[in-house]
Amino acid sequence: MAKGGTPAIVMLEATGVAFIVTEFHHEPGEGNYGQVAAEALGVEPERVFKTLVANLTTEAGIEQVVGIVPVTGQLSLRELASALEGKRAEMCPVDLAQRLTGYVVGGISPFGQKKRLRTAIDETCVLFDTIFVSGGKRGLDIEIAPDDLVAVLNAVIAPIGAER
């Protein structure tokens, strides 16, 4: 992909970290976005991570936060709340998640969101030299080193994934 592109790519280009953008064909309704991405990219599904938005209840009220977990599992809302020092968490309504991030579900990237949200990523990310996250639209993934993702987003690494 040429310079620029989605807000995620623009943000990463501005940081100077190394990343690779990969596009693949994805039909709407084709099934689990992450599993489709793993197959299209030819990588282990455990290396493909999904970006989810949740409502976190804290002492100060409710805020939206991001949890990034492997597509092979699901987000543990209890562990996400603990990792980000909240009381409890629940999934954010789709329309609010799309409005806050500027992306559609299935293409929500942790990078270049309209509103910067506190972020936690599952601890399994450190098992790999690089992982894949959405590049800001369906069929577009970014391969990046977990350390770079954490640094760019000021993310917390925590055990926030749960088995399906």
C-alpha atoms as a PDB file:
ATOM      1  CA  MET A   1       0.000   0.000   0.000  1.00  0.00           C
ATOM      2  CA  ALA A   2       1.240   3.466  -0.805  1.00  0.00           C
ATOM      3  CA  LYS A   3       2.154   6.012   1.819  1.00  0.00           C
ATOM      4  CA  GLY A   4      -0.827   7.220   3.757  1.00  0.00           C
ATOM      5  CA  GLY A   5      -4.013   5.223   3.576  1.00  0.00           C
ATOM      6  CA  THR A   6      -6.038   4.588   6.693  1.00  0.00           C
ATOM      7  CA  PRO A   7      -5.591   6.688   9.837  1.00  0.00           C
ATOM      8  CA  ALA A   8      -3.822   3.660  11.373  1.00  0.00           C
ATOM      9  CA  ILE A   9      -1.174   3.633   8.655  1.00  0.00           C
ATOM     10  CA  VAL A  10      -0.762   7.410   8.764  1.00  0.00           C
ATOM     11  CA  MET A  11      -0.233   7.257  12.543  1.00  0.00           C
ATOM     12  CA  LEU A  12       2.327   4.457  12.317  1.00  0.00           C
ATOM     13  CA  GLU A  13       4.228   6.180   9.506  1.00  0.00           C
ATOM     14  CA  ALA A  14       4.500   9.266  11.733  1.00  0.00           C
ATOM     15  CA  THR A  15       6.003   7.221  14.597  1.00  0.00           C
ATOM     16  CA  GLY A  16       8.769   5.700  12.509  1.00  0.00           C
ATOM     17  CA  VAL A  17       8.291   2.158  13.844  1.00  0.00           C
ATOM     18  CA  ALA A  18       8.699  -0.779  11.478  1.00  0.00           C
ATOM     19  CA  PHE A  19       5.504  -2.396  10.212  1.00  0.00           C
ATOM     20  CA  ILE A  20       4.191  -4.237   7.167  1.00  0.00           C
ATOM     21  CA  VAL A  21       0.767  -3.712   5.627  1.00  0.00           C
ATOM     22  CA  THR A  22      -0.940  -6.684   4.001  1.00  0.00           C
ATOM     23  CA  GLU A  23      -4.189  -6.595   2.064  1.00  0.00           C
ATOM     24  CA  PHE A  24      -6.346  -9.633   1.407  1.00  0.00           C
ATOM     25  CA  HIS A  25      -9.767 -10.286  -0.046  1.00  0.00           C
ATOM     26  CA  HIS A  26     -12.581 -10.451   2.471  1.00  0.00           C
ATOM     27  CA  GLU A  27     -16.237 -10.895   1.592  1.00  0.00           C
ATOM     28  CA  PRO A  28     -18.815  -9.433   3.993  1.00  0.00           C
ATOM     29  CA  GLY A  29     -20.488 -12.234   5.912  1.00  0.00           C
ATOM     30  CA  GLU A  30     -17.555 -14.547   5.200  1.00  0.00           C
ATOM     31  CA  GLY A  31     -17.313 -15.502   8.860  1.00  0.00           C
ATOM     32  CA  ASN A  32     -14.964 -14.713  11.705  1.00  0.00           C
ATOM     33  CA  TYR A  33     -12.806 -11.801  10.504  1.00  0.00           C
ATOM     34  CA  GLY A  34      -9.755 -12.920  12.448  1.00  0.00           C
ATOM     35  CA  GLN A  35      -9.853 -16.534  11.291  1.00  0.00           C
ATOM     36  CA  VAL A  36     -10.345 -15.389   7.687  1.00  0.00           C
ATOM     37  CA  ALA A  37      -7.380 -13.016   8.102  1.00  0.00           C
ATOM     38  CA  ALA A  38      -5.136 -15.763   9.514  1.00  0.00           C
ATOM     39  CA  GLU A  39      -5.954 -18.062   6.597  1.00  0.00           C
ATOM     40  CA  ALA A  40      -5.473 -15.291   4.022  1.00  0.00           C
ATOM     41  CA  LEU A  41      -2.174 -14.212   5.614  1.00  0.00           C
ATOM     42  CA  GLY A  42      -0.960 -17.803   5.939  1.00  0.00           C
ATOM     43  CA  VAL A  43      -0.063 -17.422   9.630  1.00  0.00           C
ATOM     44  CA  GLU A  44      -1.022 -19.116  12.873  1.00  0.00           C
ATOM     45  CA  PRO A  45      -4.342 -17.717  14.147  1.00  0.00           C
ATOM     46  CA  GLU A  46      -2.670 -17.080  17.549  1.00  0.00           C
ATOM     47  CA  ARG A  47      -0.594 -14.325  15.871  1.00  0.00           C
ATOM     48  CA  VAL A  48      -3.683 -12.481  14.620  1.00  0.00           C
ATOM     49  CA  PHE A  49      -5.203 -10.185  17.234  1.00  0.00           C
ATOM     50  CA  LYS A  50      -8.594  -8.486  17.320  1.00  0.00           C
ATOM     51  CA  THR A  51      -9.278  -5.032  18.704  1.00  0.00           C
ATOM     52  CA  LEU A  52     -12.332  -4.735  20.947  1.00  0.00           C
ATOM     53  CA  VAL A  53     -13.824  -1.702  22.671  1.00  0.00           C
ATOM     54  CA  ALA A  54     -15.312  -2.000  26.160  1.00  0.00           C
ATOM     55  CA  ASN A  55     -16.979   0.249  28.706  1.00  0.00           C
ATOM     56  CA  LEU A  56     -14.887   0.345  31.881  1.00  0.00           C
ATOM     57  CA  THR A  57     -16.456   1.432  35.154  1.00  0.00           C
ATOM     58  CA  THR A  58     -13.972   3.303  37.368  1.00  0.00           C
ATOM     59  CA  GLU A  59     -14.146   5.526  40.441  1.00  0.00           C
ATOM     60  CA  ALA A  60     -14.490   8.509  38.072  1.00  0.00           C
ATOM     61  CA  GLY A  61     -17.310   6.988  35.998  1.00  0.00           C
ATOM     62  CA  ILE A  62     -17.464   5.061  32.746  1.00  0.00           C
ATOM     63  CA  GLU A  63     -14.813   5.301  30.050  1.00  0.00           C
ATOM     64  CA  GLN A  64     -14.243   3.380  26.855  1.00  0.00           C
ATOM     65  CA  VAL A  65     -11.079   1.284  26.627  1.00  0.00           C
ATOM     66  CA  VAL A  66      -9.511  -1.130  24.156  1.00  0.00           C
ATOM     67  CA  GLY A  67      -8.653  -4.788  24.664  1.00  0.00           C
ATOM     68  CA  ILE A  68      -6.495  -6.560  22.067  1.00  0.00           C
ATOM     69  CA  VAL A  69      -6.664 -10.360  22.146  1.00  0.00           C
ATOM     70  CA  PRO A  70      -5.886 -13.281  19.818  1.00  0.00           C
ATOM     71  CA  VAL A  71      -8.685 -14.160  17.401  1.00  0.00           C
ATOM     72  CA  THR A  72      -8.529 -17.723  18.751  1.00  0.00           C
ATOM     73  CA  GLY A  73      -9.989 -16.620  22.077  1.00  0.00           C
ATOM     74  CA  GLN A  74     -12.147 -13.976  23.592  1.00  0.00           C
ATOM     75  CA  LEU A  75     -11.715 -10.944  25.801  1.00  0.00           C
ATOM     76  CA  SER A  76     -11.989 -11.541  29.549  1.00  0.00           C
ATOM     77  CA  LEU A  77     -13.878  -8.476  30.716  1.00  0.00           C
ATOM     78  CA  ARG A  78     -12.962  -9.198  34.335  1.00  0.00           C
ATOM     79  CA  GLU A  79      -9.244  -9.313  33.490  1.00  0.00           C
ATOM     80  CA  LEU A  80      -9.505  -6.205  31.293  1.00  0.00           C
ATOM     81  CA  ALA A  81     -11.067  -4.281  34.190  1.00  0.00           C
ATOM     82  CA  SER A  82      -8.304  -5.485  36.501  1.00  0.00           C
ATOM     83  CA  ALA A  83      -5.526  -4.616  34.011  1.00  0.00           C
ATOM     84  CA  LEU A  84      -6.823  -1.062  33.574  1.00  0.00           C
ATOM     85  CA  GLU A  85      -7.664  -0.607  37.276  1.00  0.00           C
ATOM     86  CA  GLY A  86     -11.412  -0.492  36.863  1.00  0.00           C
ATOM     87  CA  LYS A  87     -14.247  -2.028  38.814  1.00  0.00           C
ATOM     88  CA  ARG A  88     -15.903  -3.856  35.926  1.00  0.00           C
ATOM     89  CA  ALA A  89     -16.077  -3.896  32.150  1.00  0.00           C
ATOM     90  CA  GLU A  90     -18.682  -4.738  29.547  1.00  0.00           C
ATOM     91  CA  MET A  91     -18.613  -4.686  25.789  1.00  0.00           C
ATOM     92  CA  CYS A  92     -19.209  -1.287  24.232  1.00  0.00           C
ATOM     93  CA  PRO A  93     -22.221  -0.981  21.906  1.00  0.00           C
ATOM     94  CA  VAL A  94     -21.148  -1.370  18.272  1.00  0.00           C
ATOM     95  CA  ASP A  95     -22.362   2.080  17.191  1.00  0.00           C
ATOM     96  CA  LEU A  96     -20.402   3.800  19.979  1.00  0.00           C
ATOM     97  CA  ALA A  97     -17.254   1.745  19.273  1.00  0.00           C
ATOM     98  CA  GLN A  98     -17.437   2.679  15.583  1.00  0.00           C
ATOM     99  CA  ARG A  99     -18.066   6.356  16.368  1.00  0.00           C
ATOM    100  CA  LEU A 100     -15.166   6.590  18.871  1.00  0.00           C
ATOM    101  CA  THR A 101     -12.651   4.751  16.719  1.00  0.00           C
ATOM    102  CA  GLY A 102     -13.724   5.903  13.256  1.00  0.00           C
ATOM    103  CA  TYR A 103     -13.609   2.303  12.037  1.00  0.00           C
ATOM    104  CA  VAL A 104     -16.233  -0.344  11.270  1.00  0.00           C
ATOM    105  CA  VAL A 105     -16.482  -3.572  13.250  1.00  0.00           C
ATOM    106  CA  GLY A 106     -14.175  -6.150  11.718  1.00  0.00           C
ATOM    107  CA  GLY A 107     -11.783  -3.363  10.789  1.00  0.00           C
ATOM    108  CA  ILE A 108     -11.220  -1.571  14.094  1.00  0.00           C
ATOM    109  CA  SER A 109      -7.514  -0.840  14.399  1.00  0.00           C
ATOM    110  CA  PRO A 110      -5.795  -0.041  17.687  1.00  0.00           C
ATOM    111  CA  PHE A 111      -3.929   2.718  15.806  1.00  0.00           C
ATOM    112  CA  GLY A 112      -5.238   6.052  14.540  1.00  0.00           C
ATOM    113  CA  GLN A 113      -8.527   6.022  16.396  1.00  0.00           C
ATOM    114  CA  LYS A 114     -10.581   9.229  16.482  1.00  0.00           C
ATOM    115  CA  LYS A 115     -10.358   9.244  20.272  1.00  0.00           C
ATOM    116  CA  ARG A 116      -7.263   7.838  21.988  1.00  0.00           C
ATOM    117  CA  LEU A 117      -8.445   5.104  24.350  1.00  0.00           C
ATOM    118  CA  ARG A 118      -6.491   3.379  27.092  1.00  0.00           C
ATOM    119  CA  THR A 119      -5.397  -0.016  25.820  1.00  0.00           C
ATOM    120  CA  ALA A 120      -4.480  -3.444  27.161  1.00  0.00           C
ATOM    121  CA  ILE A 121      -3.081  -6.285  25.043  1.00  0.00           C
ATOM    122  CA  ASP A 122      -3.081  -9.949  25.948  1.00  0.00           C
ATOM    123  CA  GLU A 123       0.186 -11.223  27.357  1.00  0.00           C
ATOM    124  CA  THR A 124       0.466 -13.892  24.648  1.00  0.00           C
ATOM    125  CA  CYS A 125       1.601 -11.174  22.232  1.00  0.00           C
ATOM    126  CA  VAL A 126       5.142 -11.517  23.606  1.00  0.00           C
ATOM    127  CA  LEU A 127       5.353 -15.105  22.338  1.00  0.00           C
ATOM    128  CA  PHE A 128       5.843 -13.811  18.792  1.00  0.00           C
ATOM    129  CA  ASP A 129       8.374 -11.585  17.030  1.00  0.00           C
ATOM    130  CA  THR A 130       5.483  -9.940  15.198  1.00  0.00           C
ATOM    131  CA  ILE A 131       1.704 -10.010  15.450  1.00  0.00           C
ATOM    132  CA  PHE A 132      -1.084  -8.867  13.142  1.00  0.00           C
ATOM    133  CA  VAL A 133      -3.761  -6.304  13.972  1.00  0.00           C
ATOM    134  CA  SER A 134      -6.331  -4.579  11.807  1.00  0.00           C
ATOM    135  CA  GLY A 135      -5.060  -1.798   9.597  1.00  0.00           C
ATOM    136  CA  GLY A 136      -8.325   0.121   9.765  1.00  0.00           C
ATOM    137  CA  LYS A 137     -10.556  -1.698   7.316  1.00  0.00           C
ATOM    138  CA  ARG A 138     -11.673  -5.236   6.647  1.00  0.00           C
ATOM    139  CA  GLY A 139      -9.088  -7.071   4.597  1.00  0.00           C
ATOM    140  CA  LEU A 140      -6.170  -4.898   5.716  1.00  0.00           C
ATOM    141  CA  ASP A 141      -3.789  -6.034   8.449  1.00  0.00           C
ATOM    142  CA  ILE A 142      -0.662  -4.551   9.982  1.00  0.00           C
ATOM    143  CA  GLU A 143       2.217  -6.789  11.037  1.00  0.00           C
ATOM    144  CA  ILE A 144       4.132  -5.189  13.901  1.00  0.00           C
ATOM    145  CA  ALA A 145       6.431  -6.176  16.765  1.00  0.00           C
ATOM    146  CA  PRO A 146       4.470  -6.392  20.035  1.00  0.00           C
ATOM    147  CA  ASP A 147       6.975  -4.077  21.773  1.00  0.00           C
ATOM    148  CA  ASP A 148       6.359  -1.413  19.125  1.00  0.00           C
ATOM    149  CA  LEU A 149       2.585  -1.753  19.459  1.00  0.00           C
ATOM    150  CA  VAL A 150       2.867  -1.379  23.233  1.00  0.00           C
ATOM    151  CA  ALA A 151       5.183   1.634  22.937  1.00  0.00           C
ATOM    152  CA  VAL A 152       3.111   3.478  20.320  1.00  0.00           C
ATOM    153  CA  LEU A 153      -0.159   2.953  22.203  1.00  0.00           C
ATOM    154  CA  ASN A 154       1.287   3.179  25.721  1.00  0.00           C
ATOM    155  CA  ALA A 155      -0.552  -0.108  26.231  1.00  0.00           C
ATOM    156  CA  VAL A 156      -0.535  -2.432  29.216  1.00  0.00           C
ATOM    157  CA  ILE A 157       0.390  -6.108  28.708  1.00  0.00           C
ATOM    158  CA  ALA A 158      -1.869  -8.322  30.823  1.00  0.00           C
ATOM    159  CA  PRO A 159      -3.606 -11.719  30.844  1.00  0.00           C
ATOM    160  CA  ILE A 160      -6.847 -10.397  29.287  1.00  0.00           C
ATOM    161  CA  GLY A 161      -7.542 -13.278  26.885  1.00  0.00           C
ATOM    162  CA  ALA A 162      -9.838 -16.175  27.667  1.00  0.00           C
ATOM    163  CA  GLU A 163     -10.328 -19.498  25.896  1.00  0.00           C
ATOM    164  CA  ARG A 164     -13.415 -19.847  23.745  1.00  0.00           C
END
